[in-house]
């Protein structure tokens, strides 16, 4: 059975909506930047109250709020506006599922990177330019603690959901410890440790992140079970553990560096130790438009990243001396794939 083609006006309308999709993104970006959802977390407010408390002077304030209602981020009740359930759960600072850190990163960095997509395609340079060119730029980013905190909030948005999936899908019963290679400030490691009380974890990332990691570990009461190990995981020995977790790290590097890192992980693990990899892996049979665009986004932001398929990952992991035990798509924000392999 074939689907009837859209009428010309419907096709044109679809294209027009596509070319103006940024309207929706910028309305959300501005609402988070202004602190609107935090304001309404305490209760509904009128247009005038919102303008006064957020110092909005533009006469389009009402239209701005109505746009958020149309996007189901706010609800209108007479002349008052309140957060929708989704906004209350994910866009209010301090909420367990807070996405605002990622929204701000997209508003302040990614949006401008994408504005340079045409230039990047023509000139062969990452859209982020000198501001952040590939993974080598990470040490520079983390020198400023305020900037590092903003980047970590963005990373936490994604790793929170990933941690739930890893805690549920990986059989941790055979392992007492793991190292999260490139684990940022430890959001994923601490969440997995909280879900499995027998686990001890080490977060291995650049030394500049130590204060932020130590702060989070203390907040979650895990000083005795989770620690931060500062260093460059490409050159420094990996801390000993029964398992190694790594996510959104391998594509940062060309194939020779990836193979080198996988070999070093294999060498560091004991016999029977596990490698747990999660990442955006290409799979033409199941990839959605969102997932393809996310891979393009990562390439623009990270500069020299590469995109590998599930079978390519499997081959490189097996070449390093592992036996793949599990390969499946997980239900996180990016639709990552999870591969669990055991040292032969």
C-alpha atoms as a PDB file:
ATOM      1  CA  UNK A   1       0.000   0.000   0.000  1.00  0.00           C
ATOM      2  CA  UNK A   2       1.465   3.351  -1.021  1.00  0.00           C
ATOM      3  CA  UNK A   3       0.946   6.652   0.753  1.00  0.00           C
ATOM      4  CA  UNK A   4      -0.867   9.303  -1.250  1.00  0.00           C
ATOM      5  CA  UNK A   5       1.420  12.243  -2.087  1.00  0.00           C
ATOM      6  CA  UNK A   6       0.825  15.513  -0.288  1.00  0.00           C
ATOM      7  CA  UNK A   7      -0.952  18.286  -2.118  1.00  0.00           C
ATOM      8  CA  UNK A   8       1.383  21.047  -3.352  1.00  0.00           C
ATOM      9  CA  UNK A   9       0.188  23.497  -0.704  1.00  0.00           C
ATOM     10  CA  UNK A  10       0.829  20.911   2.031  1.00  0.00           C
ATOM     11  CA  UNK A  11       4.338  20.255   0.705  1.00  0.00           C
ATOM     12  CA  UNK A  12       5.077  23.978   0.592  1.00  0.00           C
ATOM     13  CA  UNK A  13       3.646  24.470   4.090  1.00  0.00           C
ATOM     14  CA  UNK A  14       5.868  21.671   5.406  1.00  0.00           C
ATOM     15  CA  UNK A  15       8.962  23.304   3.921  1.00  0.00           C
ATOM     16  CA  UNK A  16       8.001  26.696   5.313  1.00  0.00           C
ATOM     17  CA  UNK A  17       7.613  25.214   8.788  1.00  0.00           C
ATOM     18  CA  UNK A  18      11.005  23.588   8.426  1.00  0.00           C
ATOM     19  CA  UNK A  19      12.764  26.813   7.463  1.00  0.00           C
ATOM     20  CA  UNK A  20      11.192  28.652  10.424  1.00  0.00           C
ATOM     21  CA  UNK A  21      11.753  25.886  12.983  1.00  0.00           C
ATOM     22  CA  UNK A  22      14.363  28.081  14.662  1.00  0.00           C
ATOM     23  CA  UNK A  23      11.499  30.295  15.897  1.00  0.00           C
ATOM     24  CA  UNK A  24      10.534  27.547  18.324  1.00  0.00           C
ATOM     25  CA  UNK A  25      14.100  26.980  19.479  1.00  0.00           C
ATOM     26  CA  UNK A  26      14.759  30.664  20.144  1.00  0.00           C
ATOM     27  CA  UNK A  27      11.529  31.103  22.116  1.00  0.00           C
ATOM     28  CA  UNK A  28      12.641  28.256  24.386  1.00  0.00           C
ATOM     29  CA  UNK A  29      16.217  29.581  24.586  1.00  0.00           C
ATOM     30  CA  UNK A  30      15.053  33.054  25.606  1.00  0.00           C
ATOM     31  CA  UNK A  31      12.633  31.720  28.203  1.00  0.00           C
ATOM     32  CA  UNK A  32      15.433  29.790  29.925  1.00  0.00           C
ATOM     33  CA  UNK A  33      17.935  32.652  29.600  1.00  0.00           C
ATOM     34  CA  UNK A  34      15.443  35.067  31.167  1.00  0.00           C
ATOM     35  CA  UNK A  35      14.650  32.695  34.039  1.00  0.00           C
ATOM     36  CA  UNK A  36      10.953  32.572  33.132  1.00  0.00           C
ATOM     37  CA  UNK A  37      10.364  28.976  34.194  1.00  0.00           C
ATOM     38  CA  UNK A  38      12.100  29.559  37.530  1.00  0.00           C
ATOM     39  CA  UNK A  39       9.872  32.593  38.085  1.00  0.00           C
ATOM     40  CA  UNK A  40       6.683  30.662  37.352  1.00  0.00           C
ATOM     41  CA  UNK A  41       7.790  27.669  39.430  1.00  0.00           C
ATOM     42  CA  UNK A  42       6.527  29.587  42.471  1.00  0.00           C
ATOM     43  CA  UNK A  43       3.112  30.210  40.924  1.00  0.00           C
ATOM     44  CA  UNK A  44       1.287  31.777  37.958  1.00  0.00           C
ATOM     45  CA  UNK A  45       1.764  35.395  36.930  1.00  0.00           C
ATOM     46  CA  UNK A  46       0.250  37.962  34.583  1.00  0.00           C
ATOM     47  CA  UNK A  47       2.046  39.509  31.626  1.00  0.00           C
ATOM     48  CA  UNK A  48       2.638  42.660  33.652  1.00  0.00           C
ATOM     49  CA  UNK A  49       4.094  40.730  36.582  1.00  0.00           C
ATOM     50  CA  UNK A  50       6.383  38.769  34.279  1.00  0.00           C
ATOM     51  CA  UNK A  51       7.585  41.968  32.597  1.00  0.00           C
ATOM     52  CA  UNK A  52       8.255  43.684  35.925  1.00  0.00           C
ATOM     53  CA  UNK A  53      10.083  40.789  37.552  1.00  0.00           C
ATOM     54  CA  UNK A  54      12.163  39.835  34.495  1.00  0.00           C
ATOM     55  CA  UNK A  55      12.717  43.444  33.359  1.00  0.00           C
ATOM     56  CA  UNK A  56      11.175  42.842  29.944  1.00  0.00           C
ATOM     57  CA  UNK A  57      10.437  46.104  28.116  1.00  0.00           C
ATOM     58  CA  UNK A  58       9.439  44.949  24.630  1.00  0.00           C
ATOM     59  CA  UNK A  59       5.718  45.308  23.807  1.00  0.00           C
ATOM     60  CA  UNK A  60       5.719  41.759  22.366  1.00  0.00           C
ATOM     61  CA  UNK A  61       5.938  40.185  25.832  1.00  0.00           C
ATOM     62  CA  UNK A  62       2.371  38.866  25.613  1.00  0.00           C
ATOM     63  CA  UNK A  63       3.019  37.307  22.201  1.00  0.00           C
ATOM     64  CA  UNK A  64       6.199  35.742  23.603  1.00  0.00           C
ATOM     65  CA  UNK A  65       4.243  34.098  26.423  1.00  0.00           C
ATOM     66  CA  UNK A  66       1.477  33.020  24.046  1.00  0.00           C
ATOM     67  CA  UNK A  67       4.089  31.360  21.828  1.00  0.00           C
ATOM     68  CA  UNK A  68       5.237  29.328  24.828  1.00  0.00           C
ATOM     69  CA  UNK A  69       1.622  28.334  25.449  1.00  0.00           C
ATOM     70  CA  UNK A  70       1.319  27.201  21.822  1.00  0.00           C
ATOM     71  CA  UNK A  71       4.477  25.118  22.302  1.00  0.00           C
ATOM     72  CA  UNK A  72       2.930  23.560  25.441  1.00  0.00           C
ATOM     73  CA  UNK A  73       5.669  24.954  27.666  1.00  0.00           C
ATOM     74  CA  UNK A  74       3.268  27.276  29.482  1.00  0.00           C
ATOM     75  CA  UNK A  75      -0.442  27.087  30.256  1.00  0.00           C
ATOM     76  CA  UNK A  76      -2.792  30.078  30.257  1.00  0.00           C
ATOM     77  CA  UNK A  77      -5.563  30.491  32.819  1.00  0.00           C
ATOM     78  CA  UNK A  78      -7.393  33.723  32.149  1.00  0.00           C
ATOM     79  CA  UNK A  79      -4.779  36.472  32.241  1.00  0.00           C
ATOM     80  CA  UNK A  80      -2.247  34.374  34.157  1.00  0.00           C
ATOM     81  CA  UNK A  81       0.462  32.027  32.906  1.00  0.00           C
ATOM     82  CA  UNK A  82       1.943  28.997  34.637  1.00  0.00           C
ATOM     83  CA  UNK A  83       4.494  26.317  33.779  1.00  0.00           C
ATOM     84  CA  UNK A  84       3.259  23.247  31.951  1.00  0.00           C
ATOM     85  CA  UNK A  85       4.005  19.906  33.672  1.00  0.00           C
ATOM     86  CA  UNK A  86       6.908  19.307  31.253  1.00  0.00           C
ATOM     87  CA  UNK A  87       8.428  22.726  31.940  1.00  0.00           C
ATOM     88  CA  UNK A  88       8.031  22.262  35.690  1.00  0.00           C
ATOM     89  CA  UNK A  89       9.815  18.895  35.523  1.00  0.00           C
ATOM     90  CA  UNK A  90      12.645  19.734  33.129  1.00  0.00           C
ATOM     91  CA  UNK A  91      13.117  23.504  32.841  1.00  0.00           C
ATOM     92  CA  UNK A  92      13.138  24.675  36.470  1.00  0.00           C
ATOM     93  CA  UNK A  93      16.577  24.997  38.075  1.00  0.00           C
ATOM     94  CA  UNK A  94      17.223  22.287  40.631  1.00  0.00           C
ATOM     95  CA  UNK A  95      14.759  19.796  39.155  1.00  0.00           C
ATOM     96  CA  UNK A  96      16.182  16.272  39.050  1.00  0.00           C
ATOM     97  CA  UNK A  97      15.677  16.114  35.284  1.00  0.00           C
ATOM     98  CA  UNK A  98      16.775  19.701  34.588  1.00  0.00           C
ATOM     99  CA  UNK A  99      17.506  20.319  30.897  1.00  0.00           C
ATOM    100  CA  UNK A 100      18.227  24.026  31.224  1.00  0.00           C
ATOM    101  CA  UNK A 101      21.997  23.596  31.184  1.00  0.00           C
ATOM    102  CA  UNK A 102      21.771  22.028  27.753  1.00  0.00           C
ATOM    103  CA  UNK A 103      19.265  24.631  26.542  1.00  0.00           C
ATOM    104  CA  UNK A 104      21.675  27.395  27.548  1.00  0.00           C
ATOM    105  CA  UNK A 105      24.611  25.691  25.836  1.00  0.00           C
ATOM    106  CA  UNK A 106      22.587  25.385  22.644  1.00  0.00           C
ATOM    107  CA  UNK A 107      21.471  29.015  22.891  1.00  0.00           C
ATOM    108  CA  UNK A 108      24.898  30.486  23.576  1.00  0.00           C
ATOM    109  CA  UNK A 109      27.144  28.228  21.503  1.00  0.00           C
ATOM    110  CA  UNK A 110      25.518  25.614  19.288  1.00  0.00           C
ATOM    111  CA  UNK A 111      23.070  28.038  17.677  1.00  0.00           C
ATOM    112  CA  UNK A 112      25.945  30.258  16.541  1.00  0.00           C
ATOM    113  CA  UNK A 113      27.971  27.272  15.359  1.00  0.00           C
ATOM    114  CA  UNK A 114      25.095  26.139  13.173  1.00  0.00           C
ATOM    115  CA  UNK A 115      24.843  29.638  11.699  1.00  0.00           C
ATOM    116  CA  UNK A 116      28.254  28.902  10.164  1.00  0.00           C
ATOM    117  CA  UNK A 117      27.297  25.540   8.645  1.00  0.00           C
ATOM    118  CA  UNK A 118      27.563  26.711   5.027  1.00  0.00           C
ATOM    119  CA  UNK A 119      30.995  28.226   5.656  1.00  0.00           C
ATOM    120  CA  UNK A 120      32.135  25.084   7.461  1.00  0.00           C
ATOM    121  CA  UNK A 121      31.055  22.890   4.550  1.00  0.00           C
ATOM    122  CA  UNK A 122      32.809  25.110   1.997  1.00  0.00           C
ATOM    123  CA  UNK A 123      36.006  25.779   3.945  1.00  0.00           C
ATOM    124  CA  UNK A 124      36.372  22.468   5.755  1.00  0.00           C
ATOM    125  CA  UNK A 125      36.672  23.976   9.209  1.00  0.00           C
ATOM    126  CA  UNK A 126      34.584  23.143  12.242  1.00  0.00           C
ATOM    127  CA  UNK A 127      31.721  25.535  12.726  1.00  0.00           C
ATOM    128  CA  UNK A 128      32.984  26.322  16.188  1.00  0.00           C
ATOM    129  CA  UNK A 129      36.217  27.716  14.741  1.00  0.00           C
ATOM    130  CA  UNK A 130      39.052  28.691  17.070  1.00  0.00           C
ATOM    131  CA  UNK A 131      36.637  28.936  19.996  1.00  0.00           C
ATOM    132  CA  UNK A 132      36.525  25.152  20.311  1.00  0.00           C
ATOM    133  CA  UNK A 133      38.293  23.125  17.675  1.00  0.00           C
ATOM    134  CA  UNK A 134      38.108  19.449  18.463  1.00  0.00           C
ATOM    135  CA  UNK A 135      38.834  17.598  21.701  1.00  0.00           C
ATOM    136  CA  UNK A 136      42.238  19.256  22.107  1.00  0.00           C
ATOM    137  CA  UNK A 137      40.338  22.386  23.169  1.00  0.00           C
ATOM    138  CA  UNK A 138      38.824  20.798  26.285  1.00  0.00           C
ATOM    139  CA  UNK A 139      41.690  21.710  28.663  1.00  0.00           C
ATOM    140  CA  UNK A 140      41.315  25.360  27.631  1.00  0.00           C
ATOM    141  CA  UNK A 141      37.556  25.268  28.211  1.00  0.00           C
ATOM    142  CA  UNK A 142      37.922  23.889  31.734  1.00  0.00           C
ATOM    143  CA  UNK A 143      40.460  26.451  32.989  1.00  0.00           C
ATOM    144  CA  UNK A 144      37.617  28.879  33.745  1.00  0.00           C
ATOM    145  CA  UNK A 145      35.579  27.234  36.514  1.00  0.00           C
ATOM    146  CA  UNK A 146      32.404  29.158  35.699  1.00  0.00           C
ATOM    147  CA  UNK A 147      32.633  28.118  32.072  1.00  0.00           C
ATOM    148  CA  UNK A 148      33.446  24.547  33.081  1.00  0.00           C
ATOM    149  CA  UNK A 149      30.384  24.497  35.346  1.00  0.00           C
ATOM    150  CA  UNK A 150      28.157  25.586  32.437  1.00  0.00           C
ATOM    151  CA  UNK A 151      29.609  22.887  30.193  1.00  0.00           C
ATOM    152  CA  UNK A 152      29.146  20.275  32.922  1.00  0.00           C
ATOM    153  CA  UNK A 153      25.489  21.293  33.313  1.00  0.00           C
ATOM    154  CA  UNK A 154      25.087  20.650  29.580  1.00  0.00           C
ATOM    155  CA  UNK A 155      26.789  17.246  29.846  1.00  0.00           C
ATOM    156  CA  UNK A 156      24.741  16.334  32.927  1.00  0.00           C
ATOM    157  CA  UNK A 157      21.530  16.795  30.942  1.00  0.00           C
ATOM    158  CA  UNK A 158      22.471  13.833  28.777  1.00  0.00           C
ATOM    159  CA  UNK A 159      24.389  11.666  31.234  1.00  0.00           C
ATOM    160  CA  UNK A 160      21.536  11.619  33.762  1.00  0.00           C
ATOM    161  CA  UNK A 161      19.297   9.674  31.388  1.00  0.00           C
ATOM    162  CA  UNK A 162      22.197   7.541  30.166  1.00  0.00           C
ATOM    163  CA  UNK A 163      23.103   6.594  33.736  1.00  0.00           C
ATOM    164  CA  UNK A 164      19.602   5.228  34.305  1.00  0.00           C
ATOM    165  CA  UNK A 165      19.947   3.046  31.219  1.00  0.00           C
ATOM    166  CA  UNK A 166      23.422   1.766  32.141  1.00  0.00           C
ATOM    167  CA  UNK A 167      22.327   1.041  35.689  1.00  0.00           C
ATOM    168  CA  UNK A 168      19.412  -1.005  34.344  1.00  0.00           C
ATOM    169  CA  UNK A 169      20.835  -2.701  31.255  1.00  0.00           C
ATOM    170  CA  UNK A 170      24.366  -3.645  32.323  1.00  0.00           C
ATOM    171  CA  UNK A 171      24.748  -6.643  34.633  1.00  0.00           C
ATOM    172  CA  UNK A 172      26.930  -5.115  37.347  1.00  0.00           C
ATOM    173  CA  UNK A 173      26.688  -8.089  39.711  1.00  0.00           C
ATOM    174  CA  UNK A 174      30.018  -9.546  38.552  1.00  0.00           C
ATOM    175  CA  UNK A 175      31.928  -6.293  39.051  1.00  0.00           C
ATOM    176  CA  UNK A 176      32.880  -4.376  42.147  1.00  0.00           C
ATOM    177  CA  UNK A 177      34.398  -1.297  40.547  1.00  0.00           C
ATOM    178  CA  UNK A 178      34.509   0.700  37.338  1.00  0.00           C
ATOM    179  CA  UNK A 179      36.365   3.637  35.797  1.00  0.00           C
ATOM    180  CA  UNK A 180      34.433   6.201  33.771  1.00  0.00           C
ATOM    181  CA  UNK A 181      36.951   7.371  31.152  1.00  0.00           C
ATOM    182  CA  UNK A 182      36.152  10.944  30.169  1.00  0.00           C
ATOM    183  CA  UNK A 183      33.556  10.987  32.939  1.00  0.00           C
ATOM    184  CA  UNK A 184      33.355  14.796  33.283  1.00  0.00           C
ATOM    185  CA  UNK A 185      32.405  15.758  36.834  1.00  0.00           C
ATOM    186  CA  UNK A 186      31.037  12.309  37.666  1.00  0.00           C
ATOM    187  CA  UNK A 187      27.309  12.659  37.135  1.00  0.00           C
ATOM    188  CA  UNK A 188      27.005   9.297  35.385  1.00  0.00           C
ATOM    189  CA  UNK A 189      29.393   7.489  37.718  1.00  0.00           C
ATOM    190  CA  UNK A 190      27.666   8.717  40.871  1.00  0.00           C
ATOM    191  CA  UNK A 191      24.206   7.843  39.553  1.00  0.00           C
ATOM    192  CA  UNK A 192      25.252   4.315  38.618  1.00  0.00           C
ATOM    193  CA  UNK A 193      26.942   3.925  42.023  1.00  0.00           C
ATOM    194  CA  UNK A 194      23.780   5.094  43.776  1.00  0.00           C
ATOM    195  CA  UNK A 195      21.768   2.503  41.846  1.00  0.00           C
ATOM    196  CA  UNK A 196      24.171  -0.334  42.794  1.00  0.00           C
ATOM    197  CA  UNK A 197      25.369  -0.005  46.370  1.00  0.00           C
ATOM    198  CA  UNK A 198      28.207  -2.534  45.966  1.00  0.00           C
ATOM    199  CA  UNK A 199      29.974  -0.531  43.250  1.00  0.00           C
ATOM    200  CA  UNK A 200      33.001   1.712  43.669  1.00  0.00           C
ATOM    201  CA  UNK A 201      33.770   4.161  40.863  1.00  0.00           C
ATOM    202  CA  UNK A 202      36.638   6.302  39.622  1.00  0.00           C
ATOM    203  CA  UNK A 203      36.012   9.284  37.358  1.00  0.00           C
ATOM    204  CA  UNK A 204      38.983   9.794  35.022  1.00  0.00           C
ATOM    205  CA  UNK A 205      39.111  13.195  33.334  1.00  0.00           C
ATOM    206  CA  UNK A 206      41.185  16.360  33.126  1.00  0.00           C
ATOM    207  CA  UNK A 207      42.545  17.694  36.454  1.00  0.00           C
ATOM    208  CA  UNK A 208      40.751  21.048  36.121  1.00  0.00           C
ATOM    209  CA  UNK A 209      37.448  19.260  36.756  1.00  0.00           C
ATOM    210  CA  UNK A 210      38.520  17.951  40.169  1.00  0.00           C
ATOM    211  CA  UNK A 211      36.810  20.711  42.227  1.00  0.00           C
ATOM    212  CA  UNK A 212      33.499  20.238  40.425  1.00  0.00           C
ATOM    213  CA  UNK A 213      33.697  16.453  40.716  1.00  0.00           C
ATOM    214  CA  UNK A 214      34.597  16.534  44.409  1.00  0.00           C
ATOM    215  CA  UNK A 215      31.690  18.916  45.005  1.00  0.00           C
ATOM    216  CA  UNK A 216      29.194  16.585  43.312  1.00  0.00           C
ATOM    217  CA  UNK A 217      30.543  13.492  45.055  1.00  0.00           C
ATOM    218  CA  UNK A 218      30.094  15.221  48.428  1.00  0.00           C
ATOM    219  CA  UNK A 219      26.584  16.401  47.522  1.00  0.00           C
ATOM    220  CA  UNK A 220      25.564  12.812  46.814  1.00  0.00           C
ATOM    221  CA  UNK A 221      27.231  11.393  49.916  1.00  0.00           C
ATOM    222  CA  UNK A 222      29.562   9.102  47.982  1.00  0.00           C
ATOM    223  CA  UNK A 223      32.973  10.157  49.325  1.00  0.00           C
ATOM    224  CA  UNK A 224      33.743   6.577  50.336  1.00  0.00           C
ATOM    225  CA  UNK A 225      32.788   4.969  47.040  1.00  0.00           C
ATOM    226  CA  UNK A 226      33.447   7.436  44.213  1.00  0.00           C
ATOM    227  CA  UNK A 227      36.650   9.370  43.606  1.00  0.00           C
ATOM    228  CA  UNK A 228      38.057  11.641  40.906  1.00  0.00           C
ATOM    229  CA  UNK A 229      41.345  10.808  39.177  1.00  0.00           C
ATOM    230  CA  UNK A 230      42.804  13.710  37.217  1.00  0.00           C
ATOM    231  CA  UNK A 231      44.851  13.098  34.100  1.00  0.00           C
ATOM    232  CA  UNK A 232      44.915  12.749  30.332  1.00  0.00           C
ATOM    233  CA  UNK A 233      43.464   9.326  29.578  1.00  0.00           C
ATOM    234  CA  UNK A 234      45.304   9.251  26.237  1.00  0.00           C
ATOM    235  CA  UNK A 235      48.706   9.317  27.909  1.00  0.00           C
ATOM    236  CA  UNK A 236      48.297   8.410  31.589  1.00  0.00           C
ATOM    237  CA  UNK A 237      47.741   4.875  32.940  1.00  0.00           C
ATOM    238  CA  UNK A 238      44.127   3.988  33.660  1.00  0.00           C
ATOM    239  CA  UNK A 239      43.252   3.429  37.326  1.00  0.00           C
ATOM    240  CA  UNK A 240      42.647  -0.248  38.148  1.00  0.00           C
ATOM    241  CA  UNK A 241      39.036  -1.459  38.080  1.00  0.00           C
ATOM    242  CA  UNK A 242      36.870  -4.421  37.101  1.00  0.00           C
ATOM    243  CA  UNK A 243      35.153  -2.490  34.300  1.00  0.00           C
ATOM    244  CA  UNK A 244      35.715   0.574  32.132  1.00  0.00           C
ATOM    245  CA  UNK A 245      32.892   2.829  30.945  1.00  0.00           C
ATOM    246  CA  UNK A 246      33.367   5.301  28.114  1.00  0.00           C
ATOM    247  CA  UNK A 247      30.799   7.321  26.224  1.00  0.00           C
ATOM    248  CA  UNK A 248      31.022  10.019  23.548  1.00  0.00           C
ATOM    249  CA  UNK A 249      34.817   9.770  23.703  1.00  0.00           C
ATOM    250  CA  UNK A 250      35.930   7.385  20.951  1.00  0.00           C
ATOM    251  CA  UNK A 251      34.470   9.404  18.025  1.00  0.00           C
ATOM    252  CA  UNK A 252      36.536  12.411  19.126  1.00  0.00           C
ATOM    253  CA  UNK A 253      39.621  10.743  17.719  1.00  0.00           C
ATOM    254  CA  UNK A 254      40.762   9.313  14.382  1.00  0.00           C
ATOM    255  CA  UNK A 255      40.841   5.531  14.037  1.00  0.00           C
ATOM    256  CA  UNK A 256      44.506   5.040  15.069  1.00  0.00           C
ATOM    257  CA  UNK A 257      43.979   6.943  18.350  1.00  0.00           C
ATOM    258  CA  UNK A 258      40.760   5.031  19.031  1.00  0.00           C
ATOM    259  CA  UNK A 259      42.527   1.720  18.556  1.00  0.00           C
ATOM    260  CA  UNK A 260      45.332   2.895  20.826  1.00  0.00           C
ATOM    261  CA  UNK A 261      42.871   3.851  23.565  1.00  0.00           C
ATOM    262  CA  UNK A 262      40.993   0.550  23.251  1.00  0.00           C
ATOM    263  CA  UNK A 263      44.299  -1.341  23.517  1.00  0.00           C
ATOM    264  CA  UNK A 264      45.205   0.587  26.670  1.00  0.00           C
ATOM    265  CA  UNK A 265      41.801  -0.155  28.185  1.00  0.00           C
ATOM    266  CA  UNK A 266      42.242  -3.856  27.369  1.00  0.00           C
ATOM    267  CA  UNK A 267      45.679  -3.858  28.998  1.00  0.00           C
ATOM    268  CA  UNK A 268      44.364  -2.161  32.152  1.00  0.00           C
ATOM    269  CA  UNK A 269      41.447  -4.541  32.720  1.00  0.00           C
ATOM    270  CA  UNK A 270      41.760  -7.913  34.464  1.00  0.00           C
ATOM    271  CA  UNK A 271      40.770 -11.101  32.650  1.00  0.00           C
ATOM    272  CA  UNK A 272      36.982 -11.117  32.445  1.00  0.00           C
ATOM    273  CA  UNK A 273      36.820  -7.368  32.947  1.00  0.00           C
ATOM    274  CA  UNK A 274      34.156  -5.455  31.054  1.00  0.00           C
ATOM    275  CA  UNK A 275      34.245  -2.591  28.573  1.00  0.00           C
ATOM    276  CA  UNK A 276      31.005  -0.593  28.479  1.00  0.00           C
ATOM    277  CA  UNK A 277      30.710   1.785  25.504  1.00  0.00           C
ATOM    278  CA  UNK A 278      27.761   4.029  24.722  1.00  0.00           C
ATOM    279  CA  UNK A 279      27.717   6.426  21.786  1.00  0.00           C
ATOM    280  CA  UNK A 280      25.968   7.743  18.689  1.00  0.00           C
ATOM    281  CA  UNK A 281      26.539   4.827  16.343  1.00  0.00           C
ATOM    282  CA  UNK A 282      25.220   4.877  12.813  1.00  0.00           C
ATOM    283  CA  UNK A 283      22.653   2.273  11.873  1.00  0.00           C
ATOM    284  CA  UNK A 284      20.946   3.036   8.535  1.00  0.00           C
ATOM    285  CA  UNK A 285      18.149   0.590   9.297  1.00  0.00           C
ATOM    286  CA  UNK A 286      16.954   2.415  12.407  1.00  0.00           C
ATOM    287  CA  UNK A 287      18.420   5.942  12.364  1.00  0.00           C
ATOM    288  CA  UNK A 288      15.964   8.836  12.613  1.00  0.00           C
ATOM    289  CA  UNK A 289      16.354  12.377  11.307  1.00  0.00           C
ATOM    290  CA  UNK A 290      17.004  13.535  14.876  1.00  0.00           C
ATOM    291  CA  UNK A 291      19.870  11.072  15.322  1.00  0.00           C
ATOM    292  CA  UNK A 292      21.488  11.981  11.999  1.00  0.00           C
ATOM    293  CA  UNK A 293      21.287  15.683  12.878  1.00  0.00           C
ATOM    294  CA  UNK A 294      22.826  14.975  16.288  1.00  0.00           C
ATOM    295  CA  UNK A 295      25.814  13.336  14.616  1.00  0.00           C
ATOM    296  CA  UNK A 296      26.175  16.373  12.375  1.00  0.00           C
ATOM    297  CA  UNK A 297      25.959  18.609  15.442  1.00  0.00           C
ATOM    298  CA  UNK A 298      28.682  16.675  17.245  1.00  0.00           C
ATOM    299  CA  UNK A 299      30.931  16.905  14.205  1.00  0.00           C
ATOM    300  CA  UNK A 300      30.472  20.669  13.998  1.00  0.00           C
ATOM    301  CA  UNK A 301      31.106  21.201  17.705  1.00  0.00           C
ATOM    302  CA  UNK A 302      34.004  18.793  18.125  1.00  0.00           C
ATOM    303  CA  UNK A 303      35.708  19.628  14.854  1.00  0.00           C
ATOM    304  CA  UNK A 304      37.505  16.458  13.815  1.00  0.00           C
ATOM    305  CA  UNK A 305      35.175  13.800  15.151  1.00  0.00           C
ATOM    306  CA  UNK A 306      34.220  10.781  13.105  1.00  0.00           C
ATOM    307  CA  UNK A 307      30.992   8.824  12.894  1.00  0.00           C
ATOM    308  CA  UNK A 308      31.174   5.031  13.066  1.00  0.00           C
ATOM    309  CA  UNK A 309      28.561   2.344  12.645  1.00  0.00           C
ATOM    310  CA  UNK A 310      27.632  -0.299  15.172  1.00  0.00           C
ATOM    311  CA  UNK A 311      29.508  -2.979  13.237  1.00  0.00           C
ATOM    312  CA  UNK A 312      32.610  -0.769  12.966  1.00  0.00           C
ATOM    313  CA  UNK A 313      32.583  -0.264  16.731  1.00  0.00           C
ATOM    314  CA  UNK A 314      32.148  -3.988  17.266  1.00  0.00           C
ATOM    315  CA  UNK A 315      35.042  -4.785  14.923  1.00  0.00           C
ATOM    316  CA  UNK A 316      37.418  -2.320  16.603  1.00  0.00           C
ATOM    317  CA  UNK A 317      36.468  -3.573  20.071  1.00  0.00           C
ATOM    318  CA  UNK A 318      36.968  -7.210  19.072  1.00  0.00           C
ATOM    319  CA  UNK A 319      40.253  -6.340  17.357  1.00  0.00           C
ATOM    320  CA  UNK A 320      41.451  -4.952  20.713  1.00  0.00           C
ATOM    321  CA  UNK A 321      40.900  -8.372  22.310  1.00  0.00           C
ATOM    322  CA  UNK A 322      37.368  -8.133  23.677  1.00  0.00           C
ATOM    323  CA  UNK A 323      34.395 -10.432  23.129  1.00  0.00           C
ATOM    324  CA  UNK A 324      31.185  -8.482  22.529  1.00  0.00           C
ATOM    325  CA  UNK A 325      28.449  -9.768  24.817  1.00  0.00           C
ATOM    326  CA  UNK A 326      25.733  -7.178  24.306  1.00  0.00           C
ATOM    327  CA  UNK A 327      24.868  -4.588  21.643  1.00  0.00           C
ATOM    328  CA  UNK A 328      21.586  -2.684  21.767  1.00  0.00           C
ATOM    329  CA  UNK A 329      20.053   0.744  21.389  1.00  0.00           C
ATOM    330  CA  UNK A 330      19.278   2.451  24.698  1.00  0.00           C
ATOM    331  CA  UNK A 331      16.490   4.844  25.604  1.00  0.00           C
ATOM    332  CA  UNK A 332      18.465   7.995  26.379  1.00  0.00           C
ATOM    333  CA  UNK A 333      18.134  11.481  24.902  1.00  0.00           C
ATOM    334  CA  UNK A 334      20.292  10.789  21.849  1.00  0.00           C
ATOM    335  CA  UNK A 335      19.230   7.227  21.093  1.00  0.00           C
ATOM    336  CA  UNK A 336      22.758   5.930  21.703  1.00  0.00           C
ATOM    337  CA  UNK A 337      23.868   2.370  21.213  1.00  0.00           C
ATOM    338  CA  UNK A 338      25.338   0.386  24.103  1.00  0.00           C
ATOM    339  CA  UNK A 339      28.048  -2.219  23.609  1.00  0.00           C
ATOM    340  CA  UNK A 340      29.235  -4.384  26.497  1.00  0.00           C
ATOM    341  CA  UNK A 341      32.341  -6.484  25.857  1.00  0.00           C
ATOM    342  CA  UNK A 342      34.470  -8.751  28.039  1.00  0.00           C
ATOM    343  CA  UNK A 343      38.253  -9.059  28.029  1.00  0.00           C
ATOM    344  CA  UNK A 344      39.121 -12.447  26.568  1.00  0.00           C
END
